[in-house]
């Protein structure tokens, strides 16, 4: 049991040393980070690629006309109820 307690205490000491080391670290001047513009360009490029993939899938599987075929009965029901001027 004492063996386990000694190991836990030594681990706690290492943990404290790591926290001290972490607190002493300072950012290096000139450290390269991604600027906001680069991140914005990456996001815009990802959106454009995503939209292209979606439109390509719609084109390849003819999904727009399949949707219209499914909605046709709804449209026909509506347009059959519309009153029309039948005067000549």
C-alpha atoms as a PDB file:
ATOM      1  CA  UNK A   1       0.000   0.000   0.000  1.00  0.00           C
ATOM      2  CA  UNK A   2       2.846   2.360   0.852  1.00  0.00           C
ATOM      3  CA  UNK A   3       4.299   1.625  -2.569  1.00  0.00           C
ATOM      4  CA  UNK A   4       1.158   2.901  -4.295  1.00  0.00           C
ATOM      5  CA  UNK A   5       1.043   6.031  -2.137  1.00  0.00           C
ATOM      6  CA  UNK A   6       4.690   6.805  -3.016  1.00  0.00           C
ATOM      7  CA  UNK A   7       3.928   6.434  -6.733  1.00  0.00           C
ATOM      8  CA  UNK A   8       0.936   8.759  -6.467  1.00  0.00           C
ATOM      9  CA  UNK A   9       3.003  11.368  -4.620  1.00  0.00           C
ATOM     10  CA  UNK A  10       5.758  11.182  -7.228  1.00  0.00           C
ATOM     11  CA  UNK A  11       3.167  11.590  -9.995  1.00  0.00           C
ATOM     12  CA  UNK A  12       1.744  14.640  -8.223  1.00  0.00           C
ATOM     13  CA  UNK A  13       5.260  16.111  -8.023  1.00  0.00           C
ATOM     14  CA  UNK A  14       5.732  15.577 -11.764  1.00  0.00           C
ATOM     15  CA  UNK A  15       2.369  17.166 -12.408  1.00  0.00           C
ATOM     16  CA  UNK A  16       3.332  20.229 -10.378  1.00  0.00           C
ATOM     17  CA  UNK A  17       6.628  20.510 -12.265  1.00  0.00           C
ATOM     18  CA  UNK A  18       4.774  20.325 -15.587  1.00  0.00           C
ATOM     19  CA  UNK A  19       2.407  23.114 -14.529  1.00  0.00           C
ATOM     20  CA  UNK A  20       5.382  25.261 -13.488  1.00  0.00           C
ATOM     21  CA  UNK A  21       7.070  24.593 -16.830  1.00  0.00           C
ATOM     22  CA  UNK A  22       3.871  25.431 -18.687  1.00  0.00           C
ATOM     23  CA  UNK A  23       3.476  28.711 -16.783  1.00  0.00           C
ATOM     24  CA  UNK A  24       7.070  29.711 -17.610  1.00  0.00           C
ATOM     25  CA  UNK A  25       6.619  29.204 -21.347  1.00  0.00           C
ATOM     26  CA  UNK A  26       6.272  32.441 -23.277  1.00  0.00           C
ATOM     27  CA  UNK A  27       5.168  32.804 -26.859  1.00  0.00           C
ATOM     28  CA  UNK A  28       8.093  33.165 -29.211  1.00  0.00           C
ATOM     29  CA  UNK A  29       8.181  36.406 -31.145  1.00  0.00           C
ATOM     30  CA  UNK A  30       7.508  35.795 -34.812  1.00  0.00           C
ATOM     31  CA  UNK A  31       5.749  32.507 -34.156  1.00  0.00           C
ATOM     32  CA  UNK A  32       3.776  31.616 -37.244  1.00  0.00           C
ATOM     33  CA  UNK A  33       0.039  31.304 -36.816  1.00  0.00           C
ATOM     34  CA  UNK A  34      -2.744  31.251 -39.346  1.00  0.00           C
ATOM     35  CA  UNK A  35      -4.205  34.686 -39.796  1.00  0.00           C
ATOM     36  CA  UNK A  36      -7.906  35.341 -39.991  1.00  0.00           C
ATOM     37  CA  UNK A  37      -7.720  35.927 -43.740  1.00  0.00           C
ATOM     38  CA  UNK A  38      -6.217  32.520 -44.421  1.00  0.00           C
ATOM     39  CA  UNK A  39      -8.849  30.801 -42.293  1.00  0.00           C
ATOM     40  CA  UNK A  40     -11.604  32.790 -44.050  1.00  0.00           C
ATOM     41  CA  UNK A  41     -10.246  31.761 -47.472  1.00  0.00           C
ATOM     42  CA  UNK A  42     -10.119  28.107 -46.420  1.00  0.00           C
ATOM     43  CA  UNK A  43     -13.724  28.273 -45.187  1.00  0.00           C
ATOM     44  CA  UNK A  44     -14.891  29.977 -48.393  1.00  0.00           C
ATOM     45  CA  UNK A  45     -13.079  27.367 -50.517  1.00  0.00           C
ATOM     46  CA  UNK A  46     -14.656  24.548 -48.476  1.00  0.00           C
ATOM     47  CA  UNK A  47     -18.127  26.057 -48.948  1.00  0.00           C
ATOM     48  CA  UNK A  48     -17.614  26.409 -52.698  1.00  0.00           C
ATOM     49  CA  UNK A  49     -16.386  22.811 -53.013  1.00  0.00           C
ATOM     50  CA  UNK A  50     -19.318  21.588 -50.897  1.00  0.00           C
ATOM     51  CA  UNK A  51     -21.841  23.437 -53.057  1.00  0.00           C
ATOM     52  CA  UNK A  52     -20.225  22.053 -56.205  1.00  0.00           C
ATOM     53  CA  UNK A  53     -20.453  18.493 -54.875  1.00  0.00           C
ATOM     54  CA  UNK A  54     -24.122  18.961 -53.958  1.00  0.00           C
ATOM     55  CA  UNK A  55     -25.065  20.422 -57.345  1.00  0.00           C
ATOM     56  CA  UNK A  56     -23.064  17.711 -59.125  1.00  0.00           C
ATOM     57  CA  UNK A  57     -24.982  14.992 -57.270  1.00  0.00           C
ATOM     58  CA  UNK A  58     -28.303  16.675 -58.127  1.00  0.00           C
ATOM     59  CA  UNK A  59     -27.248  16.781 -61.786  1.00  0.00           C
ATOM     60  CA  UNK A  60     -25.967  13.197 -61.920  1.00  0.00           C
ATOM     61  CA  UNK A  61     -29.027  11.629 -60.309  1.00  0.00           C
ATOM     62  CA  UNK A  62     -31.564  14.025 -61.879  1.00  0.00           C
ATOM     63  CA  UNK A  63     -32.904  14.823 -58.407  1.00  0.00           C
ATOM     64  CA  UNK A  64     -34.572  18.090 -59.427  1.00  0.00           C
ATOM     65  CA  UNK A  65     -36.942  16.379 -61.860  1.00  0.00           C
ATOM     66  CA  UNK A  66     -37.600  13.532 -59.424  1.00  0.00           C
ATOM     67  CA  UNK A  67     -38.658  16.129 -56.854  1.00  0.00           C
ATOM     68  CA  UNK A  68     -40.917  17.851 -59.382  1.00  0.00           C
ATOM     69  CA  UNK A  69     -42.502  14.531 -60.326  1.00  0.00           C
ATOM     70  CA  UNK A  70     -43.259  13.876 -56.668  1.00  0.00           C
ATOM     71  CA  UNK A  71     -44.771  17.362 -56.214  1.00  0.00           C
ATOM     72  CA  UNK A  72     -46.810  17.371 -59.430  1.00  0.00           C
ATOM     73  CA  UNK A  73     -50.015  15.998 -57.841  1.00  0.00           C
ATOM     74  CA  UNK A  74     -49.917  18.769 -55.222  1.00  0.00           C
ATOM     75  CA  UNK A  75     -49.522  21.434 -57.918  1.00  0.00           C
ATOM     76  CA  UNK A  76     -52.282  19.934 -60.064  1.00  0.00           C
ATOM     77  CA  UNK A  77     -54.666  19.892 -57.118  1.00  0.00           C
ATOM     78  CA  UNK A  78     -53.954  23.570 -56.476  1.00  0.00           C
ATOM     79  CA  UNK A  79     -54.257  24.721 -60.100  1.00  0.00           C
ATOM     80  CA  UNK A  80     -57.496  22.780 -60.604  1.00  0.00           C
ATOM     81  CA  UNK A  81     -59.065  24.842 -57.802  1.00  0.00           C
ATOM     82  CA  UNK A  82     -58.002  28.214 -59.251  1.00  0.00           C
ATOM     83  CA  UNK A  83     -60.926  30.197 -60.647  1.00  0.00           C
ATOM     84  CA  UNK A  84     -60.457  31.258 -64.259  1.00  0.00           C
ATOM     85  CA  UNK A  85     -61.997  33.994 -66.341  1.00  0.00           C
ATOM     86  CA  UNK A  86     -63.767  32.121 -69.145  1.00  0.00           C
ATOM     87  CA  UNK A  87     -65.170  35.142 -71.031  1.00  0.00           C
ATOM     88  CA  UNK A  88     -64.344  35.578 -74.679  1.00  0.00           C
END
